[in-house]
PDB file of N, CA and C in Angstrom:
ATOM      1  N   MET A   1       0.507 -11.997  -6.050  1.00  0.00           N
ATOM      2  CA  MET A   1       1.023 -10.784  -5.435  1.00  0.00           C
ATOM      3  C   MET A   1       0.302  -9.596  -6.060  1.00  0.00           C
ATOM      4  N   ASP A   2      -0.035  -8.646  -5.242  1.00  0.00           N
ATOM      5  CA  ASP A   2      -0.669  -7.412  -5.693  1.00  0.00           C
ATOM      6  C   ASP A   2       0.438  -6.455  -6.141  1.00  0.00           C
ATOM      7  N   VAL A   3       0.705  -6.461  -7.424  1.00  0.00           N
ATOM      8  CA  VAL A   3       1.814  -5.687  -7.988  1.00  0.00           C
ATOM      9  C   VAL A   3       1.666  -4.208  -7.679  1.00  0.00           C
ATOM     10  N   ASP A   4       0.466  -3.680  -7.810  1.00  0.00           N
ATOM     11  CA  ASP A   4       0.252  -2.254  -7.550  1.00  0.00           C
ATOM     12  C   ASP A   4       0.567  -1.893  -6.098  1.00  0.00           C
ATOM     13  N   ALA A   5       0.111  -2.712  -5.160  1.00  0.00           N
ATOM     14  CA  ALA A   5       0.353  -2.435  -3.741  1.00  0.00           C
ATOM     15  C   ALA A   5       1.838  -2.524  -3.406  1.00  0.00           C
ATOM     16  N   VAL A   6       2.508  -3.528  -3.944  1.00  0.00           N
ATOM     17  CA  VAL A   6       3.939  -3.684  -3.673  1.00  0.00           C
ATOM     18  C   VAL A   6       4.718  -2.538  -4.306  1.00  0.00           C
ATOM     19  N   THR A   7       4.361  -2.173  -5.529  1.00  0.00           N
ATOM     20  CA  THR A   7       5.039  -1.067  -6.201  1.00  0.00           C
ATOM     21  C   THR A   7       4.850   0.232  -5.428  1.00  0.00           C
ATOM     22  N   LYS A   8       3.646   0.465  -4.950  1.00  0.00           N
ATOM     23  CA  LYS A   8       3.360   1.669  -4.166  1.00  0.00           C
ATOM     24  C   LYS A   8       4.224   1.707  -2.903  1.00  0.00           C
ATOM     25  N   ARG A   9       4.308   0.578  -2.225  1.00  0.00           N
ATOM     26  CA  ARG A   9       5.138   0.503  -1.018  1.00  0.00           C
ATOM     27  C   ARG A   9       6.611   0.782  -1.343  1.00  0.00           C
ATOM     28  N   LEU A  10       7.090   0.177  -2.418  1.00  0.00           N
ATOM     29  CA  LEU A  10       8.501   0.353  -2.785  1.00  0.00           C
ATOM     30  C   LEU A  10       8.803   1.798  -3.196  1.00  0.00           C
ATOM     31  N   ARG A  11       7.875   2.446  -3.853  1.00  0.00           N
ATOM     32  CA  ARG A  11       8.072   3.861  -4.219  1.00  0.00           C
ATOM     33  C   ARG A  11       8.123   4.732  -2.969  1.00  0.00           C
ATOM     34  N   ARG A  12       7.285   4.407  -1.987  1.00  0.00           N
ATOM     35  CA  ARG A  12       7.314   5.147  -0.729  1.00  0.00           C
ATOM     36  C   ARG A  12       8.664   4.938  -0.028  1.00  0.00           C
ATOM     37  N   ILE A  13       9.149   3.714  -0.044  1.00  0.00           N
ATOM     38  CA  ILE A  13      10.458   3.411   0.552  1.00  0.00           C
ATOM     39  C   ILE A  13      11.555   4.153  -0.193  1.00  0.00           C
ATOM     40  N   GLU A  14      11.449   4.193  -1.509  1.00  0.00           N
ATOM     41  CA  GLU A  14      12.416   4.928  -2.322  1.00  0.00           C
ATOM     42  C   GLU A  14      12.460   6.398  -1.884  1.00  0.00           C
ATOM     43  N   GLY A  15      11.303   6.985  -1.654  1.00  0.00           N
ATOM     44  CA  GLY A  15      11.241   8.365  -1.177  1.00  0.00           C
ATOM     45  C   GLY A  15      11.880   8.524   0.191  1.00  0.00           C
ATOM     46  N   GLN A  16      11.654   7.551   1.065  1.00  0.00           N
ATOM     47  CA  GLN A  16      12.267   7.593   2.390  1.00  0.00           C
ATOM     48  C   GLN A  16      13.791   7.547   2.273  1.00  0.00           C
ATOM     49  N   ILE A  17      14.295   6.709   1.398  1.00  0.00           N
ATOM     50  CA  ILE A  17      15.745   6.581   1.231  1.00  0.00           C
ATOM     51  C   ILE A  17      16.324   7.885   0.678  1.00  0.00           C
ATOM     52  N   LYS A  18      15.639   8.490  -0.277  1.00  0.00           N
ATOM     53  CA  LYS A  18      16.090   9.782  -0.797  1.00  0.00           C
ATOM     54  C   LYS A  18      16.133  10.823   0.323  1.00  0.00           C
ATOM     55  N   GLY A  19      15.141  10.763   1.202  1.00  0.00           N
ATOM     56  CA  GLY A  19      15.127  11.665   2.352  1.00  0.00           C
ATOM     57  C   GLY A  19      16.308  11.429   3.277  1.00  0.00           C
ATOM     58  N   ILE A  20      16.663  10.179   3.479  1.00  0.00           N
ATOM     59  CA  ILE A  20      17.822   9.855   4.328  1.00  0.00           C
ATOM     60  C   ILE A  20      19.102  10.382   3.688  1.00  0.00           C
ATOM     61  N   ILE A  21      19.219  10.228   2.378  1.00  0.00           N
ATOM     62  CA  ILE A  21      20.407  10.742   1.680  1.00  0.00           C
ATOM     63  C   ILE A  21      20.534  12.242   1.915  1.00  0.00           C
ATOM     64  N   LYS A  22      19.431  12.969   1.804  1.00  0.00           N
ATOM     65  CA  LYS A  22      19.457  14.416   2.038  1.00  0.00           C
ATOM     66  C   LYS A  22      19.832  14.728   3.475  1.00  0.00           C
ATOM     67  N   MET A  23      19.327  13.922   4.413  1.00  0.00           N
ATOM     68  CA  MET A  23      19.677  14.129   5.815  1.00  0.00           C
ATOM     69  C   MET A  23      21.182  13.997   6.022  1.00  0.00           C
ATOM     70  N   VAL A  24      21.760  12.980   5.418  1.00  0.00           N
ATOM     71  CA  VAL A  24      23.201  12.754   5.553  1.00  0.00           C
ATOM     72  C   VAL A  24      23.968  13.906   4.911  1.00  0.00           C
ATOM     73  N   GLU A  25      23.549  14.301   3.695  1.00  0.00           N
ATOM     74  CA  GLU A  25      24.219  15.404   2.996  1.00  0.00           C
ATOM     75  C   GLU A  25      24.110  16.718   3.766  1.00  0.00           C
ATOM     76  N   ASN A  26      23.007  16.888   4.506  1.00  0.00           N
ATOM     77  CA  ASN A  26      22.802  18.115   5.281  1.00  0.00           C
ATOM     78  C   ASN A  26      23.300  17.997   6.719  1.00  0.00           C
ATOM     79  N   ASP A  27      24.049  16.929   6.978  1.00  0.00           N
ATOM     80  CA  ASP A  27      24.693  16.718   8.276  1.00  0.00           C
ATOM     81  C   ASP A  27      23.691  16.733   9.445  1.00  0.00           C
ATOM     82  N   LYS A  28      22.576  16.040   9.241  1.00  0.00           N
ATOM     83  CA  LYS A  28      21.585  15.923  10.315  1.00  0.00           C
ATOM     84  C   LYS A  28      22.135  14.998  11.397  1.00  0.00           C
ATOM     85  N   PRO A  29      21.615  15.094  12.621  1.00  0.00           N
ATOM     86  CA  PRO A  29      22.117  14.254  13.713  1.00  0.00           C
ATOM     87  C   PRO A  29      22.002  12.758  13.388  1.00  0.00           C
ATOM     88  N   CYS A  30      23.021  12.034  13.778  1.00  0.00           N
ATOM     89  CA  CYS A  30      23.073  10.590  13.520  1.00  0.00           C
ATOM     90  C   CYS A  30      21.844   9.874  14.064  1.00  0.00           C
ATOM     91  N   GLU A  31      21.375  10.297  15.232  1.00  0.00           N
ATOM     92  CA  GLU A  31      20.208   9.649  15.830  1.00  0.00           C
ATOM     93  C   GLU A  31      18.989   9.769  14.916  1.00  0.00           C
ATOM     94  N   ASP A  32      18.820  10.948  14.302  1.00  0.00           N
ATOM     95  CA  ASP A  32      17.691  11.160  13.397  1.00  0.00           C
ATOM     96  C   ASP A  32      17.824  10.284  12.147  1.00  0.00           C
ATOM     97  N   VAL A  33      19.050  10.182  11.636  1.00  0.00           N
ATOM     98  CA  VAL A  33      19.299   9.343  10.467  1.00  0.00           C
ATOM     99  C   VAL A  33      18.990   7.887  10.805  1.00  0.00           C
ATOM    100  N   LEU A  34      19.426   7.437  11.974  1.00  0.00           N
ATOM    101  CA  LEU A  34      19.188   6.052  12.379  1.00  0.00           C
ATOM    102  C   LEU A  34      17.698   5.758  12.570  1.00  0.00           C
ATOM    103  N   ILE A  35      16.953   6.727  13.058  1.00  0.00           N
ATOM    104  CA  ILE A  35      15.500   6.548  13.197  1.00  0.00           C
ATOM    105  C   ILE A  35      14.884   6.316  11.826  1.00  0.00           C
ATOM    106  N   GLN A  36      15.301   7.089  10.849  1.00  0.00           N
ATOM    107  CA  GLN A  36      14.755   6.944   9.502  1.00  0.00           C
ATOM    108  C   GLN A  36      15.196   5.631   8.856  1.00  0.00           C
ATOM    109  N   ILE A  37      16.420   5.211   9.118  1.00  0.00           N
ATOM    110  CA  ILE A  37      16.888   3.916   8.607  1.00  0.00           C
ATOM    111  C   ILE A  37      16.031   2.797   9.203  1.00  0.00           C
ATOM    112  N   GLY A  38      15.716   2.911  10.483  1.00  0.00           N
ATOM    113  CA  GLY A  38      14.848   1.926  11.123  1.00  0.00           C
ATOM    114  C   GLY A  38      13.458   1.904  10.497  1.00  0.00           C
ATOM    115  N   ALA A  39      12.954   3.077  10.135  1.00  0.00           N
ATOM    116  CA  ALA A  39      11.638   3.151   9.493  1.00  0.00           C
ATOM    117  C   ALA A  39      11.662   2.468   8.131  1.00  0.00           C
ATOM    118  N   VAL A  40      12.739   2.676   7.377  1.00  0.00           N
ATOM    119  CA  VAL A  40      12.874   2.033   6.070  1.00  0.00           C
ATOM    120  C   VAL A  40      12.987   0.521   6.238  1.00  0.00           C
ATOM    121  N   LYS A  41      13.755   0.112   7.211  1.00  0.00           N
ATOM    122  CA  LYS A  41      13.911  -1.317   7.476  1.00  0.00           C
ATOM    123  C   LYS A  41      12.560  -1.962   7.786  1.00  0.00           C
ATOM    124  N   SER A  42      11.761  -1.303   8.608  1.00  0.00           N
ATOM    125  CA  SER A  42      10.426  -1.823   8.942  1.00  0.00           C
ATOM    126  C   SER A  42       9.529  -1.854   7.714  1.00  0.00           C
ATOM    127  N   ALA A  43       9.616  -0.813   6.889  1.00  0.00           N
ATOM    128  CA  ALA A  43       8.797  -0.752   5.676  1.00  0.00           C
ATOM    129  C   ALA A  43       9.186  -1.863   4.702  1.00  0.00           C
ATOM    130  N   LEU A  44      10.478  -2.135   4.573  1.00  0.00           N
ATOM    131  CA  LEU A  44      10.929  -3.224   3.705  1.00  0.00           C
ATOM    132  C   LEU A  44      10.444  -4.571   4.230  1.00  0.00           C
ATOM    133  N   HIS A  45      10.502  -4.735   5.543  1.00  0.00           N
ATOM    134  CA  HIS A  45      10.047  -5.988   6.142  1.00  0.00           C
ATOM    135  C   HIS A  45       8.567  -6.198   5.864  1.00  0.00           C
ATOM    136  N   LYS A  46       7.764  -5.165   6.044  1.00  0.00           N
ATOM    137  CA  LYS A  46       6.333  -5.276   5.782  1.00  0.00           C
ATOM    138  C   LYS A  46       6.079  -5.571   4.307  1.00  0.00           C
ATOM    139  N   THR A  47       6.843  -4.954   3.429  1.00  0.00           N
ATOM    140  CA  THR A  47       6.706  -5.231   1.997  1.00  0.00           C
ATOM    141  C   THR A  47       7.043  -6.682   1.709  1.00  0.00           C
ATOM    142  N   GLY A  48       8.064  -7.197   2.348  1.00  0.00           N
ATOM    143  CA  GLY A  48       8.410  -8.614   2.208  1.00  0.00           C
ATOM    144  C   GLY A  48       7.273  -9.515   2.675  1.00  0.00           C
ATOM    145  N   GLN A  49       6.610  -9.126   3.757  1.00  0.00           N
ATOM    146  CA  GLN A  49       5.468  -9.900   4.237  1.00  0.00           C
ATOM    147  C   GLN A  49       4.355  -9.926   3.196  1.00  0.00           C
ATOM    148  N   VAL A  50       4.112  -8.785   2.569  1.00  0.00           N
ATOM    149  CA  VAL A  50       3.065  -8.699   1.548  1.00  0.00           C
ATOM    150  C   VAL A  50       3.416  -9.604   0.364  1.00  0.00           C
ATOM    151  N   VAL A  51       4.681  -9.582  -0.058  1.00  0.00           N
ATOM    152  CA  VAL A  51       5.113 -10.423  -1.179  1.00  0.00           C
ATOM    153  C   VAL A  51       4.986 -11.900  -0.808  1.00  0.00           C
ATOM    154  N   LEU A  52       5.436 -12.259   0.377  1.00  0.00           N
ATOM    155  CA  LEU A  52       5.352 -13.660   0.819  1.00  0.00           C
ATOM    156  C   LEU A  52       3.904 -14.114   0.930  1.00  0.00           C
ATOM    157  N   GLU A  53       3.047 -13.264   1.448  1.00  0.00           N
ATOM    158  CA  GLU A  53       1.629 -13.604   1.545  1.00  0.00           C
ATOM    159  C   GLU A  53       1.033 -13.826   0.151  1.00  0.00           C
ATOM    160  N   GLY A  54       1.385 -12.962  -0.781  1.00  0.00           N
ATOM    161  CA  GLY A  54       0.916 -13.130  -2.154  1.00  0.00           C
ATOM    162  C   GLY A  54       1.422 -14.424  -2.763  1.00  0.00           C
ATOM    163  N   HIS A  55       2.659 -14.755  -2.465  1.00  0.00           N
ATOM    164  CA  HIS A  55       3.236 -16.011  -2.961  1.00  0.00           C
ATOM    165  C   HIS A  55       2.436 -17.202  -2.451  1.00  0.00           C
ATOM    166  N   MET A  56       2.086 -17.165  -1.169  1.00  0.00           N
ATOM    167  CA  MET A  56       1.331 -18.275  -0.597  1.00  0.00           C
ATOM    168  C   MET A  56      -0.092 -18.329  -1.152  1.00  0.00           C
ATOM    169  N   GLN A  57      -0.716 -17.182  -1.321  1.00  0.00           N
ATOM    170  CA  GLN A  57      -2.109 -17.153  -1.782  1.00  0.00           C
ATOM    171  C   GLN A  57      -2.246 -17.516  -3.248  1.00  0.00           C
ATOM    172  N   HIS A  58      -1.220 -17.276  -4.021  1.00  0.00           N
ATOM    173  CA  HIS A  58      -1.338 -17.527  -5.459  1.00  0.00           C
ATOM    174  C   HIS A  58      -0.470 -18.705  -5.903  1.00  0.00           C
ATOM    175  N   CYS A  59       0.824 -18.541  -5.820  1.00  0.00           N
ATOM    176  CA  CYS A  59       1.740 -19.564  -6.340  1.00  0.00           C
ATOM    177  C   CYS A  59       1.589 -20.894  -5.608  1.00  0.00           C
ATOM    178  N   VAL A  60       1.554 -20.836  -4.291  1.00  0.00           N
ATOM    179  CA  VAL A  60       1.473 -22.074  -3.507  1.00  0.00           C
ATOM    180  C   VAL A  60       0.135 -22.768  -3.752  1.00  0.00           C
ATOM    181  N   LEU A  61      -0.948 -22.024  -3.641  1.00  0.00           N
ATOM    182  CA  LEU A  61      -2.264 -22.641  -3.836  1.00  0.00           C
ATOM    183  C   LEU A  61      -2.423 -23.194  -5.247  1.00  0.00           C
ATOM    184  N   ASP A  62      -1.984 -22.437  -6.245  1.00  0.00           N
ATOM    185  CA  ASP A  62      -2.078 -22.920  -7.625  1.00  0.00           C
ATOM    186  C   ASP A  62      -1.252 -24.189  -7.822  1.00  0.00           C
ATOM    187  N   GLY A  63      -0.053 -24.211  -7.253  1.00  0.00           N
ATOM    188  CA  GLY A  63       0.805 -25.388  -7.390  1.00  0.00           C
ATOM    189  C   GLY A  63       0.216 -26.617  -6.736  1.00  0.00           C
ATOM    190  N   VAL A  64      -0.375 -26.437  -5.564  1.00  0.00           N
ATOM    191  CA  VAL A  64      -1.002 -27.563  -4.863  1.00  0.00           C
ATOM    192  C   VAL A  64      -2.203 -28.063  -5.655  1.00  0.00           C
ATOM    193  N   LYS A  65      -3.009 -27.143  -6.168  1.00  0.00           N
ATOM    194  CA  LYS A  65      -4.182 -27.529  -6.968  1.00  0.00           C
ATOM    195  C   LYS A  65      -3.774 -28.303  -8.219  1.00  0.00           C
ATOM    196  N   ASN A  66      -2.596 -27.994  -8.749  1.00  0.00           N
ATOM    197  CA  ASN A  66      -2.111 -28.660  -9.960  1.00  0.00           C
ATOM    198  C   ASN A  66      -1.305 -29.918  -9.656  1.00  0.00           C
ATOM    199  N   GLY A  67      -1.220 -30.297  -8.379  1.00  0.00           N
ATOM    200  CA  GLY A  67      -0.548 -31.539  -8.011  1.00  0.00           C
ATOM    201  C   GLY A  67       0.965 -31.449  -7.921  1.00  0.00           C
ATOM    202  N   ASN A  68       1.506 -30.252  -7.780  1.00  0.00           N
ATOM    203  CA  ASN A  68       2.965 -30.075  -7.706  1.00  0.00           C
ATOM    204  C   ASN A  68       3.420 -29.806  -6.278  1.00  0.00           C
ATOM    205  N   GLU A  69       2.907 -30.572  -5.329  1.00  0.00           N
ATOM    206  CA  GLU A  69       3.169 -30.300  -3.921  1.00  0.00           C
ATOM    207  C   GLU A  69       4.661 -30.255  -3.572  1.00  0.00           C
ATOM    208  N   ALA A  70       5.433 -31.199  -4.080  1.00  0.00           N
ATOM    209  CA  ALA A  70       6.858 -31.262  -3.733  1.00  0.00           C
ATOM    210  C   ALA A  70       7.593 -30.010  -4.207  1.00  0.00           C
ATOM    211  N   GLU A  71       7.349 -29.608  -5.430  1.00  0.00           N
ATOM    212  CA  GLU A  71       7.997 -28.408  -5.971  1.00  0.00           C
ATOM    213  C   GLU A  71       7.526 -27.156  -5.242  1.00  0.00           C
ATOM    214  N   VAL A  72       6.227 -27.116  -4.926  1.00  0.00           N
ATOM    215  CA  VAL A  72       5.665 -25.969  -4.211  1.00  0.00           C
ATOM    216  C   VAL A  72       6.307 -25.833  -2.842  1.00  0.00           C
ATOM    217  N   LEU A  73       6.439 -26.934  -2.134  1.00  0.00           N
ATOM    218  CA  LEU A  73       7.058 -26.885  -0.807  1.00  0.00           C
ATOM    219  C   LEU A  73       8.518 -26.465  -0.887  1.00  0.00           C
ATOM    220  N   LYS A  74       9.218 -26.941  -1.900  1.00  0.00           N
ATOM    221  CA  LYS A  74      10.621 -26.556  -2.092  1.00  0.00           C
ATOM    222  C   LYS A  74      10.733 -25.047  -2.322  1.00  0.00           C
ATOM    223  N   ARG A  75       9.884 -24.510  -3.176  1.00  0.00           N
ATOM    224  CA  ARG A  75       9.930 -23.085  -3.487  1.00  0.00           C
ATOM    225  C   ARG A  75       9.449 -22.242  -2.308  1.00  0.00           C
ATOM    226  N   LEU A  76       8.434 -22.721  -1.587  1.00  0.00           N
ATOM    227  CA  LEU A  76       7.959 -22.000  -0.409  1.00  0.00           C
ATOM    228  C   LEU A  76       9.044 -21.953   0.658  1.00  0.00           C
ATOM    229  N   THR A  77       9.707 -23.069   0.871  1.00  0.00           N
ATOM    230  CA  THR A  77      10.807 -23.111   1.837  1.00  0.00           C
ATOM    231  C   THR A  77      11.892 -22.112   1.451  1.00  0.00           C
ATOM    232  N   SER A  78      12.222 -22.058   0.175  1.00  0.00           N
ATOM    233  CA  SER A  78      13.226 -21.113  -0.304  1.00  0.00           C
ATOM    234  C   SER A  78      12.773 -19.670  -0.083  1.00  0.00           C
ATOM    235  N   ALA A  79      11.509 -19.379  -0.369  1.00  0.00           N
ATOM    236  CA  ALA A  79      10.985 -18.025  -0.184  1.00  0.00           C
ATOM    237  C   ALA A  79      11.021 -17.616   1.284  1.00  0.00           C
ATOM    238  N   ILE A  80      10.634 -18.532   2.158  1.00  0.00           N
ATOM    239  CA  ILE A  80      10.659 -18.237   3.596  1.00  0.00           C
ATOM    240  C   ILE A  80      12.088 -18.030   4.068  1.00  0.00           C
ATOM    241  N   GLU A  81      13.007 -18.840   3.567  1.00  0.00           N
ATOM    242  CA  GLU A  81      14.418 -18.682   3.935  1.00  0.00           C
ATOM    243  C   GLU A  81      14.938 -17.314   3.500  1.00  0.00           C
ATOM    244  N   GLN A  82      14.615 -16.904   2.285  1.00  0.00           N
ATOM    245  CA  GLN A  82      15.052 -15.591   1.802  1.00  0.00           C
ATOM    246  C   GLN A  82      14.439 -14.482   2.654  1.00  0.00           C
ATOM    247  N   PHE A  83      13.169 -14.601   2.950  1.00  0.00           N
ATOM    248  CA  PHE A  83      12.496 -13.585   3.760  1.00  0.00           C
ATOM    249  C   PHE A  83      13.090 -13.498   5.158  1.00  0.00           C
ATOM    250  N   SER A  84      13.439 -14.634   5.733  1.00  0.00           N
ATOM    251  CA  SER A  84      13.979 -14.636   7.102  1.00  0.00           C
ATOM    252  C   SER A  84      15.360 -13.988   7.176  1.00  0.00           C
ATOM    253  N   ARG A  85      16.022 -13.846   6.040  1.00  0.00           N
ATOM    254  CA  ARG A  85      17.332 -13.174   6.012  1.00  0.00           C
ATOM    255  C   ARG A  85      17.224 -11.657   6.073  1.00  0.00           C
ATOM    256  N   ILE A  86      16.007 -11.137   5.862  1.00  0.00           N
ATOM    257  CA  ILE A  86      15.800  -9.695   5.956  1.00  0.00           C
ATOM    258  C   ILE A  86      15.836  -9.326   7.430  1.00  0.00           C
ATOM    259  N   VAL A  87      16.890  -8.668   7.813  1.00  0.00           N
ATOM    260  CA  VAL A  87      17.062  -8.320   9.229  1.00  0.00           C
ATOM    261  C   VAL A  87      16.990  -6.833   9.426  1.00  0.00           C
TER     262      VAL A  87
END
């Protein structure tokens, strides 16, 4: 996983969430707040994709190369299951 890229994405999301909090505190229209919540949701989903891709490129490949296929598949299945819960 590219820690710097994921951290950068999460900091941007953190800023978006702070912006939403200010919108709510300033009584902005609900529709505008919901648009921003949708943007954060999409950003989190994309960040999850980046993390999952990193997991496959590093952890999965390393595990297979080291002969730990069963454990790798178990952990990959778990990671995909966790990612699929992000709605």
